[in-house]
Amino acid sequence: MSGLATLLLSYSGFVGLALAMERHQEQAELPTLDNRRKLGWRVLGSVLLVLALMAAIQTEGTSVGISFWLGMLSIAGIACALMFSYAPRRVLSSAAVIGGAGLLAWLV
């Protein structure tokens, strides 16, 4: 179950990092954010990526977990890019739901 958590948390982390950029804020039709809120999105995205790494290491061990995490980052990055391309308005809501599901999957 932590493998799924790694993927879901990675996706939400990438969305958080992307929403710190003005271009993606425009795509998601969010108001332009000040520097403080952009920093908040960056911190949230980074924390979610670190949680994904922790979930992968907990499941697979250190060496395999890091490799597994890198693979999940690739899949999550592609999913994030596709969401911004085809459904940019739904990115924020999908990241919130998927991030919550990822945390639940890791805890279960």
PDB file of N, CA and C in Angstrom:
ATOM      1  N   MET A   1       0.814  -1.189   0.000  1.00  0.00           N
ATOM      2  CA  MET A   1       0.000   0.000   0.000  1.00  0.00           C
ATOM      3  C   MET A   1       0.864   1.262   0.000  1.00  0.00           C
ATOM      4  N   SER A   2       2.071   1.162   0.530  1.00  0.00           N
ATOM      5  CA  SER A   2       2.933   2.333   0.552  1.00  0.00           C
ATOM      6  C   SER A   2       3.464   2.673  -0.830  1.00  0.00           C
ATOM      7  N   GLY A   3       3.490   1.702  -1.742  1.00  0.00           N
ATOM      8  CA  GLY A   3       3.871   2.005  -3.118  1.00  0.00           C
ATOM      9  C   GLY A   3       2.873   2.952  -3.752  1.00  0.00           C
ATOM     10  N   LEU A   4       1.602   2.697  -3.495  1.00  0.00           N
ATOM     11  CA  LEU A   4       0.556   3.594  -3.980  1.00  0.00           C
ATOM     12  C   LEU A   4       0.678   4.954  -3.299  1.00  0.00           C
ATOM     13  N   ALA A   5       0.972   4.956  -2.012  1.00  0.00           N
ATOM     14  CA  ALA A   5       1.142   6.219  -1.291  1.00  0.00           C
ATOM     15  C   ALA A   5       2.283   7.030  -1.890  1.00  0.00           C
ATOM     16  N   THR A   6       3.360   6.360  -2.263  1.00  0.00           N
ATOM     17  CA  THR A   6       4.495   7.055  -2.877  1.00  0.00           C
ATOM     18  C   THR A   6       4.071   7.756  -4.160  1.00  0.00           C
ATOM     19  N   LEU A   7       3.322   7.078  -4.985  1.00  0.00           N
ATOM     20  CA  LEU A   7       2.861   7.660  -6.244  1.00  0.00           C
ATOM     21  C   LEU A   7       1.918   8.836  -6.001  1.00  0.00           C
ATOM     22  N   LEU A   8       0.968   8.660  -5.119  1.00  0.00           N
ATOM     23  CA  LEU A   8      -0.026   9.704  -4.879  1.00  0.00           C
ATOM     24  C   LEU A   8       0.593  10.942  -4.236  1.00  0.00           C
ATOM     25  N   LEU A   9       1.472  10.735  -3.273  1.00  0.00           N
ATOM     26  CA  LEU A   9       2.131  11.875  -2.634  1.00  0.00           C
ATOM     27  C   LEU A   9       3.067  12.596  -3.605  1.00  0.00           C
ATOM     28  N   SER A  10       3.709  11.839  -4.483  1.00  0.00           N
ATOM     29  CA  SER A  10       4.584  12.456  -5.478  1.00  0.00           C
ATOM     30  C   SER A  10       3.790  13.335  -6.438  1.00  0.00           C
ATOM     31  N   TYR A  11       2.639  12.846  -6.865  1.00  0.00           N
ATOM     32  CA  TYR A  11       1.789  13.642  -7.758  1.00  0.00           C
ATOM     33  C   TYR A  11       1.385  14.950  -7.081  1.00  0.00           C
ATOM     34  N   SER A  12       0.924  14.859  -5.849  1.00  0.00           N
ATOM     35  CA  SER A  12       0.500  16.066  -5.139  1.00  0.00           C
ATOM     36  C   SER A  12       1.670  17.016  -4.902  1.00  0.00           C
ATOM     37  N   GLY A  13       2.837  16.460  -4.649  1.00  0.00           N
ATOM     38  CA  GLY A  13       4.021  17.289  -4.476  1.00  0.00           C
ATOM     39  C   GLY A  13       4.385  18.044  -5.739  1.00  0.00           C
ATOM     40  N   PHE A  14       4.302  17.364  -6.872  1.00  0.00           N
ATOM     41  CA  PHE A  14       4.599  18.035  -8.142  1.00  0.00           C
ATOM     42  C   PHE A  14       3.579  19.128  -8.445  1.00  0.00           C
ATOM     43  N   VAL A  15       2.322  18.885  -8.124  1.00  0.00           N
ATOM     44  CA  VAL A  15       1.308  19.919  -8.340  1.00  0.00           C
ATOM     45  C   VAL A  15       1.601  21.125  -7.453  1.00  0.00           C
ATOM     46  N   GLY A  16       1.986  20.870  -6.207  1.00  0.00           N
ATOM     47  CA  GLY A  16       2.342  21.974  -5.315  1.00  0.00           C
ATOM     48  C   GLY A  16       3.496  22.794  -5.854  1.00  0.00           C
ATOM     49  N   LEU A  17       4.524  22.128  -6.359  1.00  0.00           N
ATOM     50  CA  LEU A  17       5.657  22.852  -6.935  1.00  0.00           C
ATOM     51  C   LEU A  17       5.251  23.607  -8.195  1.00  0.00           C
ATOM     52  N   ALA A  18       4.394  23.001  -9.005  1.00  0.00           N
ATOM     53  CA  ALA A  18       3.965  23.653 -10.239  1.00  0.00           C
ATOM     54  C   ALA A  18       3.121  24.899  -9.951  1.00  0.00           C
ATOM     55  N   LEU A  19       2.280  24.830  -8.924  1.00  0.00           N
ATOM     56  CA  LEU A  19       1.412  25.964  -8.633  1.00  0.00           C
ATOM     57  C   LEU A  19       2.166  27.141  -8.029  1.00  0.00           C
ATOM     58  N   ALA A  20       3.429  26.971  -7.716  1.00  0.00           N
ATOM     59  CA  ALA A  20       4.257  28.087  -7.279  1.00  0.00           C
ATOM     60  C   ALA A  20       4.725  28.924  -8.461  1.00  0.00           C
ATOM     61  N   MET A  21       4.458  28.459  -9.678  1.00  0.00           N
ATOM     62  CA  MET A  21       4.873  29.161 -10.890  1.00  0.00           C
ATOM     63  C   MET A  21       3.676  29.912 -11.488  1.00  0.00           C
ATOM     64  N   GLU A  22       3.912  31.141 -11.948  1.00  0.00           N
ATOM     65  CA  GLU A  22       2.824  31.976 -12.467  1.00  0.00           C
ATOM     66  C   GLU A  22       2.120  31.351 -13.664  1.00  0.00           C
ATOM     67  N   ARG A  23       2.872  30.689 -14.512  1.00  0.00           N
ATOM     68  CA  ARG A  23       2.274  30.089 -15.707  1.00  0.00           C
ATOM     69  C   ARG A  23       1.218  29.058 -15.327  1.00  0.00           C
ATOM     70  N   HIS A  24       1.533  28.228 -14.360  1.00  0.00           N
ATOM     71  CA  HIS A  24       0.588  27.180 -13.961  1.00  0.00           C
ATOM     72  C   HIS A  24      -0.554  27.744 -13.121  1.00  0.00           C
ATOM     73  N   GLN A  25      -0.314  28.843 -12.425  1.00  0.00           N
ATOM     74  CA  GLN A  25      -1.407  29.511 -11.721  1.00  0.00           C
ATOM     75  C   GLN A  25      -2.436  30.015 -12.723  1.00  0.00           C
ATOM     76  N   GLU A  26      -1.949  30.567 -13.829  1.00  0.00           N
ATOM     77  CA  GLU A  26      -2.861  31.040 -14.878  1.00  0.00           C
ATOM     78  C   GLU A  26      -3.625  29.881 -15.492  1.00  0.00           C
ATOM     79  N   GLN A  27      -2.942  28.761 -15.736  1.00  0.00           N
ATOM     80  CA  GLN A  27      -3.613  27.606 -16.316  1.00  0.00           C
ATOM     81  C   GLN A  27      -4.707  27.085 -15.401  1.00  0.00           C
ATOM     82  N   ALA A  28      -4.442  27.057 -14.098  1.00  0.00           N
ATOM     83  CA  ALA A  28      -5.424  26.559 -13.138  1.00  0.00           C
ATOM     84  C   ALA A  28      -6.443  27.627 -12.761  1.00  0.00           C
ATOM     85  N   GLU A  29      -6.331  28.809 -13.389  1.00  0.00           N
ATOM     86  CA  GLU A  29      -7.212  29.940 -13.153  1.00  0.00           C
ATOM     87  C   GLU A  29      -7.230  30.362 -11.687  1.00  0.00           C
ATOM     88  N   LEU A  30      -6.046  30.367 -11.077  1.00  0.00           N
ATOM     89  CA  LEU A  30      -5.881  30.887  -9.719  1.00  0.00           C
ATOM     90  C   LEU A  30      -5.465  32.342  -9.811  1.00  0.00           C
ATOM     91  N   PRO A  31      -5.805  33.139  -8.808  1.00  0.00           N
ATOM     92  CA  PRO A  31      -5.321  34.517  -8.827  1.00  0.00           C
ATOM     93  C   PRO A  31      -3.798  34.536  -8.674  1.00  0.00           C
ATOM     94  N   THR A  32      -3.179  35.582  -9.185  1.00  0.00           N
ATOM     95  CA  THR A  32      -1.730  35.706  -9.061  1.00  0.00           C
ATOM     96  C   THR A  32      -1.365  35.810  -7.586  1.00  0.00           C
ATOM     97  N   LEU A  33      -0.422  35.001  -7.174  1.00  0.00           N
ATOM     98  CA  LEU A  33      -0.059  34.920  -5.760  1.00  0.00           C
ATOM     99  C   LEU A  33       1.152  35.796  -5.461  1.00  0.00           C
ATOM    100  N   ASP A  34       1.217  36.284  -4.234  1.00  0.00           N
ATOM    101  CA  ASP A  34       2.394  37.037  -3.820  1.00  0.00           C
ATOM    102  C   ASP A  34       3.529  36.058  -3.490  1.00  0.00           C
ATOM    103  N   ASN A  35       4.707  36.602  -3.230  1.00  0.00           N
ATOM    104  CA  ASN A  35       5.881  35.749  -3.007  1.00  0.00           C
ATOM    105  C   ASN A  35       5.737  34.847  -1.793  1.00  0.00           C
ATOM    106  N   ARG A  36       5.032  35.316  -0.773  1.00  0.00           N
ATOM    107  CA  ARG A  36       4.856  34.509   0.437  1.00  0.00           C
ATOM    108  C   ARG A  36       4.031  33.253   0.151  1.00  0.00           C
ATOM    109  N   ARG A  37       2.979  33.404  -0.615  1.00  0.00           N
ATOM    110  CA  ARG A  37       2.139  32.237  -0.944  1.00  0.00           C
ATOM    111  C   ARG A  37       2.840  31.298  -1.916  1.00  0.00           C
ATOM    112  N   LYS A  38       3.619  31.864  -2.815  1.00  0.00           N
ATOM    113  CA  LYS A  38       4.413  31.014  -3.716  1.00  0.00           C
ATOM    114  C   LYS A  38       5.390  30.169  -2.915  1.00  0.00           C
ATOM    115  N   LEU A  39       6.000  30.772  -1.905  1.00  0.00           N
ATOM    116  CA  LEU A  39       6.904  30.029  -1.032  1.00  0.00           C
ATOM    117  C   LEU A  39       6.146  28.924  -0.305  1.00  0.00           C
ATOM    118  N   GLY A  40       4.917  29.206   0.100  1.00  0.00           N
ATOM    119  CA  GLY A  40       4.088  28.191   0.742  1.00  0.00           C
ATOM    120  C   GLY A  40       3.831  27.000  -0.164  1.00  0.00           C
ATOM    121  N   TRP A  41       3.534  27.257  -1.447  1.00  0.00           N
ATOM    122  CA  TRP A  41       3.327  26.164  -2.399  1.00  0.00           C
ATOM    123  C   TRP A  41       4.607  25.356  -2.584  1.00  0.00           C
ATOM    124  N   ARG A  42       5.749  26.047  -2.655  1.00  0.00           N
ATOM    125  CA  ARG A  42       7.028  25.341  -2.808  1.00  0.00           C
ATOM    126  C   ARG A  42       7.321  24.457  -1.610  1.00  0.00           C
ATOM    127  N   VAL A  43       7.085  24.989  -0.418  1.00  0.00           N
ATOM    128  CA  VAL A  43       7.333  24.209   0.798  1.00  0.00           C
ATOM    129  C   VAL A  43       6.390  23.007   0.859  1.00  0.00           C
ATOM    130  N   LEU A  44       5.116  23.221   0.559  1.00  0.00           N
ATOM    131  CA  LEU A  44       4.149  22.116   0.572  1.00  0.00           C
ATOM    132  C   LEU A  44       4.544  21.039  -0.424  1.00  0.00           C
ATOM    133  N   GLY A  45       4.905  21.431  -1.629  1.00  0.00           N
ATOM    134  CA  GLY A  45       5.317  20.453  -2.635  1.00  0.00           C
ATOM    135  C   GLY A  45       6.552  19.686  -2.206  1.00  0.00           C
ATOM    136  N   SER A  46       7.515  20.382  -1.636  1.00  0.00           N
ATOM    137  CA  SER A  46       8.747  19.721  -1.186  1.00  0.00           C
ATOM    138  C   SER A  46       8.474  18.761  -0.046  1.00  0.00           C
ATOM    139  N   VAL A  47       7.628  19.165   0.889  1.00  0.00           N
ATOM    140  CA  VAL A  47       7.292  18.287   2.018  1.00  0.00           C
ATOM    141  C   VAL A  47       6.591  17.031   1.524  1.00  0.00           C
ATOM    142  N   LEU A  48       5.681  17.181   0.570  1.00  0.00           N
ATOM    143  CA  LEU A  48       4.987  16.001   0.036  1.00  0.00           C
ATOM    144  C   LEU A  48       5.952  15.065  -0.689  1.00  0.00           C
ATOM    145  N   LEU A  49       6.928  15.616  -1.399  1.00  0.00           N
ATOM    146  CA  LEU A  49       7.912  14.760  -2.063  1.00  0.00           C
ATOM    147  C   LEU A  49       8.796  14.034  -1.051  1.00  0.00           C
ATOM    148  N   VAL A  50       9.137  14.703   0.034  1.00  0.00           N
ATOM    149  CA  VAL A  50       9.929  14.042   1.082  1.00  0.00           C
ATOM    150  C   VAL A  50       9.101  12.958   1.763  1.00  0.00           C
ATOM    151  N   LEU A  51       7.815  13.210   1.992  1.00  0.00           N
ATOM    152  CA  LEU A  51       6.948  12.171   2.558  1.00  0.00           C
ATOM    153  C   LEU A  51       6.851  10.968   1.624  1.00  0.00           C
ATOM    154  N   ALA A  52       6.801  11.233   0.325  1.00  0.00           N
ATOM    155  CA  ALA A  52       6.771  10.134  -0.643  1.00  0.00           C
ATOM    156  C   ALA A  52       8.051   9.323  -0.569  1.00  0.00           C
ATOM    157  N   LEU A  53       9.176  10.001  -0.416  1.00  0.00           N
ATOM    158  CA  LEU A  53      10.451   9.298  -0.266  1.00  0.00           C
ATOM    159  C   LEU A  53      10.458   8.450   1.004  1.00  0.00           C
ATOM    160  N   MET A  54       9.944   9.005   2.090  1.00  0.00           N
ATOM    161  CA  MET A  54       9.892   8.258   3.348  1.00  0.00           C
ATOM    162  C   MET A  54       9.008   7.021   3.222  1.00  0.00           C
ATOM    163  N   ALA A  55       7.889   7.153   2.515  1.00  0.00           N
ATOM    164  CA  ALA A  55       7.004   6.007   2.316  1.00  0.00           C
ATOM    165  C   ALA A  55       7.697   4.926   1.491  1.00  0.00           C
ATOM    166  N   ALA A  56       8.444   5.327   0.478  1.00  0.00           N
ATOM    167  CA  ALA A  56       9.147   4.355  -0.366  1.00  0.00           C
ATOM    168  C   ALA A  56      10.247   3.644   0.419  1.00  0.00           C
ATOM    169  N   ILE A  57      10.984   4.388   1.218  1.00  0.00           N
ATOM    170  CA  ILE A  57      12.060   3.780   2.002  1.00  0.00           C
ATOM    171  C   ILE A  57      11.492   2.857   3.071  1.00  0.00           C
ATOM    172  N   GLN A  58      10.377   3.238   3.658  1.00  0.00           N
ATOM    173  CA  GLN A  58       9.743   2.392   4.672  1.00  0.00           C
ATOM    174  C   GLN A  58       9.290   1.062   4.080  1.00  0.00           C
ATOM    175  N   THR A  59       8.821   1.094   2.862  1.00  0.00           N
ATOM    176  CA  THR A  59       8.317  -0.121   2.222  1.00  0.00           C
ATOM    177  C   THR A  59       9.432  -0.994   1.674  1.00  0.00           C
ATOM    178  N   GLU A  60      10.369  -0.400   0.953  1.00  0.00           N
ATOM    179  CA  GLU A  60      11.337  -1.163   0.172  1.00  0.00           C
ATOM    180  C   GLU A  60      12.739  -1.207   0.762  1.00  0.00           C
ATOM    181  N   GLY A  61      13.008  -0.442   1.805  1.00  0.00           N
ATOM    182  CA  GLY A  61      14.375  -0.331   2.293  1.00  0.00           C
ATOM    183  C   GLY A  61      15.053   0.855   1.622  1.00  0.00           C
ATOM    184  N   THR A  62      16.246   1.177   2.074  1.00  0.00           N
ATOM    185  CA  THR A  62      16.882   2.410   1.609  1.00  0.00           C
ATOM    186  C   THR A  62      17.271   2.381   0.141  1.00  0.00           C
ATOM    187  N   SER A  63      18.063   1.415  -0.279  1.00  0.00           N
ATOM    188  CA  SER A  63      18.589   1.439  -1.653  1.00  0.00           C
ATOM    189  C   SER A  63      17.492   1.207  -2.684  1.00  0.00           C
ATOM    190  N   VAL A  64      16.675   0.213  -2.484  1.00  0.00           N
ATOM    191  CA  VAL A  64      15.594  -0.062  -3.430  1.00  0.00           C
ATOM    192  C   VAL A  64      14.517   1.014  -3.315  1.00  0.00           C
ATOM    193  N   GLY A  65      14.280   1.526  -2.114  1.00  0.00           N
ATOM    194  CA  GLY A  65      13.268   2.551  -1.910  1.00  0.00           C
ATOM    195  C   GLY A  65      13.565   3.826  -2.672  1.00  0.00           C
ATOM    196  N   ILE A  66      14.838   4.228  -2.687  1.00  0.00           N
ATOM    197  CA  ILE A  66      15.198   5.436  -3.434  1.00  0.00           C
ATOM    198  C   ILE A  66      14.997   5.224  -4.933  1.00  0.00           C
ATOM    199  N   SER A  67      15.372   4.063  -5.434  1.00  0.00           N
ATOM    200  CA  SER A  67      15.158   3.759  -6.858  1.00  0.00           C
ATOM    201  C   SER A  67      13.672   3.699  -7.183  1.00  0.00           C
ATOM    202  N   PHE A  68      12.913   3.078  -6.290  1.00  0.00           N
ATOM    203  CA  PHE A  68      11.458   2.998  -6.473  1.00  0.00           C
ATOM    204  C   PHE A  68      10.850   4.400  -6.482  1.00  0.00           C
ATOM    205  N   TRP A  69      11.309   5.260  -5.566  1.00  0.00           N
ATOM    206  CA  TRP A  69      10.808   6.626  -5.476  1.00  0.00           C
ATOM    207  C   TRP A  69      11.097   7.388  -6.767  1.00  0.00           C
ATOM    208  N   LEU A  70      12.289   7.214  -7.319  1.00  0.00           N
ATOM    209  CA  LEU A  70      12.632   7.897  -8.569  1.00  0.00           C
ATOM    210  C   LEU A  70      11.730   7.436  -9.716  1.00  0.00           C
ATOM    211  N   GLY A  71      11.409   6.154  -9.745  1.00  0.00           N
ATOM    212  CA  GLY A  71      10.484   5.660 -10.756  1.00  0.00           C
ATOM    213  C   GLY A  71       9.090   6.239 -10.587  1.00  0.00           C
ATOM    214  N   MET A  72       8.628   6.318  -9.341  1.00  0.00           N
ATOM    215  CA  MET A  72       7.313   6.894  -9.073  1.00  0.00           C
ATOM    216  C   MET A  72       7.288   8.392  -9.383  1.00  0.00           C
ATOM    217  N   LEU A  73       8.423   9.076  -9.177  1.00  0.00           N
ATOM    218  CA  LEU A  73       8.506  10.490  -9.546  1.00  0.00           C
ATOM    219  C   LEU A  73       8.293  10.671 -11.040  1.00  0.00           C
ATOM    220  N   SER A  74       8.853   9.767 -11.830  1.00  0.00           N
ATOM    221  CA  SER A  74       8.684   9.854 -13.285  1.00  0.00           C
ATOM    222  C   SER A  74       7.218   9.704 -13.670  1.00  0.00           C
ATOM    223  N   ILE A  75       6.558   8.717 -13.092  1.00  0.00           N
ATOM    224  CA  ILE A  75       5.141   8.491 -13.401  1.00  0.00           C
ATOM    225  C   ILE A  75       4.294   9.664 -12.931  1.00  0.00           C
ATOM    226  N   ALA A  76       4.564  10.151 -11.717  1.00  0.00           N
ATOM    227  CA  ALA A  76       3.793  11.273 -11.177  1.00  0.00           C
ATOM    228  C   ALA A  76       4.027  12.544 -11.986  1.00  0.00           C
ATOM    229  N   GLY A  77       5.248  12.760 -12.443  1.00  0.00           N
ATOM    230  CA  GLY A  77       5.539  13.933 -13.267  1.00  0.00           C
ATOM    231  C   GLY A  77       4.789  13.910 -14.583  1.00  0.00           C
ATOM    232  N   ILE A  78       4.716  12.748 -15.189  1.00  0.00           N
ATOM    233  CA  ILE A  78       3.959  12.625 -16.441  1.00  0.00           C
ATOM    234  C   ILE A  78       2.476  12.873 -16.187  1.00  0.00           C
ATOM    235  N   ALA A  79       1.951  12.315 -15.099  1.00  0.00           N
ATOM    236  CA  ALA A  79       0.534  12.517 -14.769  1.00  0.00           C
ATOM    237  C   ALA A  79       0.242  13.996 -14.497  1.00  0.00           C
ATOM    238  N   CYS A  80       1.144  14.662 -13.805  1.00  0.00           N
ATOM    239  CA  CYS A  80       0.975  16.089 -13.509  1.00  0.00           C
ATOM    240  C   CYS A  80       0.989  16.905 -14.806  1.00  0.00           C
ATOM    241  N   ALA A  81       1.921  16.609 -15.692  1.00  0.00           N
ATOM    242  CA  ALA A  81       2.000  17.325 -16.967  1.00  0.00           C
ATOM    243  C   ALA A  81       0.745  17.102 -17.807  1.00  0.00           C
ATOM    244  N   LEU A  82       0.231  15.884 -17.818  1.00  0.00           N
ATOM    245  CA  LEU A  82      -0.983  15.603 -18.574  1.00  0.00           C
ATOM    246  C   LEU A  82      -2.193  16.321 -17.978  1.00  0.00           C
ATOM    247  N   MET A  83      -2.266  16.380 -16.656  1.00  0.00           N
ATOM    248  CA  MET A  83      -3.385  17.094 -16.032  1.00  0.00           C
ATOM    249  C   MET A  83      -3.334  18.582 -16.367  1.00  0.00           C
ATOM    250  N   PHE A  84      -2.148  19.185 -16.326  1.00  0.00           N
ATOM    251  CA  PHE A  84      -2.046  20.595 -16.672  1.00  0.00           C
ATOM    252  C   PHE A  84      -2.346  20.822 -18.152  1.00  0.00           C
ATOM    253  N   SER A  85      -2.115  19.832 -18.997  1.00  0.00           N
ATOM    254  CA  SER A  85      -2.385  19.985 -20.421  1.00  0.00           C
ATOM    255  C   SER A  85      -3.859  19.815 -20.765  1.00  0.00           C
ATOM    256  N   TYR A  86      -4.503  18.834 -20.130  1.00  0.00           N
ATOM    257  CA  TYR A  86      -5.858  18.476 -20.552  1.00  0.00           C
ATOM    258  C   TYR A  86      -6.961  18.922 -19.598  1.00  0.00           C
ATOM    259  N   ALA A  87      -6.669  19.103 -18.328  1.00  0.00           N
ATOM    260  CA  ALA A  87      -7.700  19.521 -17.373  1.00  0.00           C
ATOM    261  C   ALA A  87      -7.096  20.446 -16.325  1.00  0.00           C
ATOM    262  N   PRO A  88      -6.616  21.622 -16.739  1.00  0.00           N
ATOM    263  CA  PRO A  88      -5.902  22.483 -15.793  1.00  0.00           C
ATOM    264  C   PRO A  88      -6.772  23.018 -14.656  1.00  0.00           C
ATOM    265  N   ARG A  89      -8.065  23.159 -14.867  1.00  0.00           N
ATOM    266  CA  ARG A  89      -8.930  23.681 -13.817  1.00  0.00           C
ATOM    267  C   ARG A  89      -9.132  22.669 -12.687  1.00  0.00           C
ATOM    268  N   ARG A  90      -8.961  21.416 -12.988  1.00  0.00           N
ATOM    269  CA  ARG A  90      -9.191  20.360 -11.996  1.00  0.00           C
ATOM    270  C   ARG A  90      -7.923  19.932 -11.266  1.00  0.00           C
ATOM    271  N   VAL A  91      -6.808  20.545 -11.579  1.00  0.00           N
ATOM    272  CA  VAL A  91      -5.529  20.119 -11.002  1.00  0.00           C
ATOM    273  C   VAL A  91      -5.508  20.293  -9.494  1.00  0.00           C
ATOM    274  N   LEU A  92      -5.939  21.440  -9.011  1.00  0.00           N
ATOM    275  CA  LEU A  92      -5.872  21.720  -7.579  1.00  0.00           C
ATOM    276  C   LEU A  92      -6.775  20.777  -6.787  1.00  0.00           C
ATOM    277  N   SER A  93      -7.997  20.581  -7.248  1.00  0.00           N
ATOM    278  CA  SER A  93      -8.903  19.685  -6.518  1.00  0.00           C
ATOM    279  C   SER A  93      -8.429  18.238  -6.591  1.00  0.00           C
ATOM    280  N   SER A  94      -7.894  17.832  -7.738  1.00  0.00           N
ATOM    281  CA  SER A  94      -7.407  16.452  -7.838  1.00  0.00           C
ATOM    282  C   SER A  94      -6.198  16.230  -6.945  1.00  0.00           C
ATOM    283  N   ALA A  95      -5.320  17.235  -6.840  1.00  0.00           N
ATOM    284  CA  ALA A  95      -4.141  17.094  -5.987  1.00  0.00           C
ATOM    285  C   ALA A  95      -4.534  17.001  -4.520  1.00  0.00           C
ATOM    286  N   ALA A  96      -5.549  17.749  -4.116  1.00  0.00           N
ATOM    287  CA  ALA A  96      -5.997  17.700  -2.721  1.00  0.00           C
ATOM    288  C   ALA A  96      -6.568  16.326  -2.384  1.00  0.00           C
ATOM    289  N   VAL A  97      -7.408  15.805  -3.270  1.00  0.00           N
ATOM    290  CA  VAL A  97      -8.012  14.491  -3.031  1.00  0.00           C
ATOM    291  C   VAL A  97      -6.949  13.399  -3.083  1.00  0.00           C
ATOM    292  N   ILE A  98      -6.086  13.461  -4.083  1.00  0.00           N
ATOM    293  CA  ILE A  98      -5.060  12.434  -4.245  1.00  0.00           C
ATOM    294  C   ILE A  98      -4.035  12.502  -3.115  1.00  0.00           C
ATOM    295  N   GLY A  99      -3.680  13.698  -2.673  1.00  0.00           N
ATOM    296  CA  GLY A  99      -2.751  13.829  -1.555  1.00  0.00           C
ATOM    297  C   GLY A  99      -3.328  13.259  -0.270  1.00  0.00           C
ATOM    298  N   GLY A 100      -4.600  13.534  -0.017  1.00  0.00           N
ATOM    299  CA  GLY A 100      -5.266  12.952   1.160  1.00  0.00           C
ATOM    300  C   GLY A 100      -5.335  11.439   1.074  1.00  0.00           C
ATOM    301  N   ALA A 101      -5.639  10.934  -0.104  1.00  0.00           N
ATOM    302  CA  ALA A 101      -5.661   9.478  -0.288  1.00  0.00           C
ATOM    303  C   ALA A 101      -4.280   8.877  -0.099  1.00  0.00           C
ATOM    304  N   GLY A 102      -3.247   9.602  -0.545  1.00  0.00           N
ATOM    305  CA  GLY A 102      -1.878   9.118  -0.361  1.00  0.00           C
ATOM    306  C   GLY A 102      -1.491   9.033   1.092  1.00  0.00           C
ATOM    307  N   LEU A 103      -1.863  10.054   1.876  1.00  0.00           N
ATOM    308  CA  LEU A 103      -1.576  10.017   3.307  1.00  0.00           C
ATOM    309  C   LEU A 103      -2.326   8.878   3.990  1.00  0.00           C
ATOM    310  N   LEU A 104      -3.587   8.671   3.610  1.00  0.00           N
ATOM    311  CA  LEU A 104      -4.349   7.561   4.182  1.00  0.00           C
ATOM    312  C   LEU A 104      -3.759   6.219   3.795  1.00  0.00           C
ATOM    313  N   ALA A 105      -3.336   6.092   2.552  1.00  0.00           N
ATOM    314  CA  ALA A 105      -2.739   4.820   2.107  1.00  0.00           C
ATOM    315  C   ALA A 105      -1.440   4.542   2.843  1.00  0.00           C
ATOM    316  N   TRP A 106      -0.686   5.573   3.154  1.00  0.00           N
ATOM    317  CA  TRP A 106       0.571   5.373   3.872  1.00  0.00           C
ATOM    318  C   TRP A 106       0.306   4.969   5.319  1.00  0.00           C
ATOM    319  N   LEU A 107      -0.728   5.555   5.924  1.00  0.00           N
ATOM    320  CA  LEU A 107      -1.024   5.262   7.323  1.00  0.00           C
ATOM    321  C   LEU A 107      -1.684   3.901   7.510  1.00  0.00           C
ATOM    322  N   VAL A 108      -2.338   3.398   6.495  1.00  0.00           N
ATOM    323  CA  VAL A 108      -3.014   2.098   6.601  1.00  0.00           C
ATOM    324  C   VAL A 108      -2.095   0.995   6.310  1.00  0.00           C
TER     325      VAL A 108
END
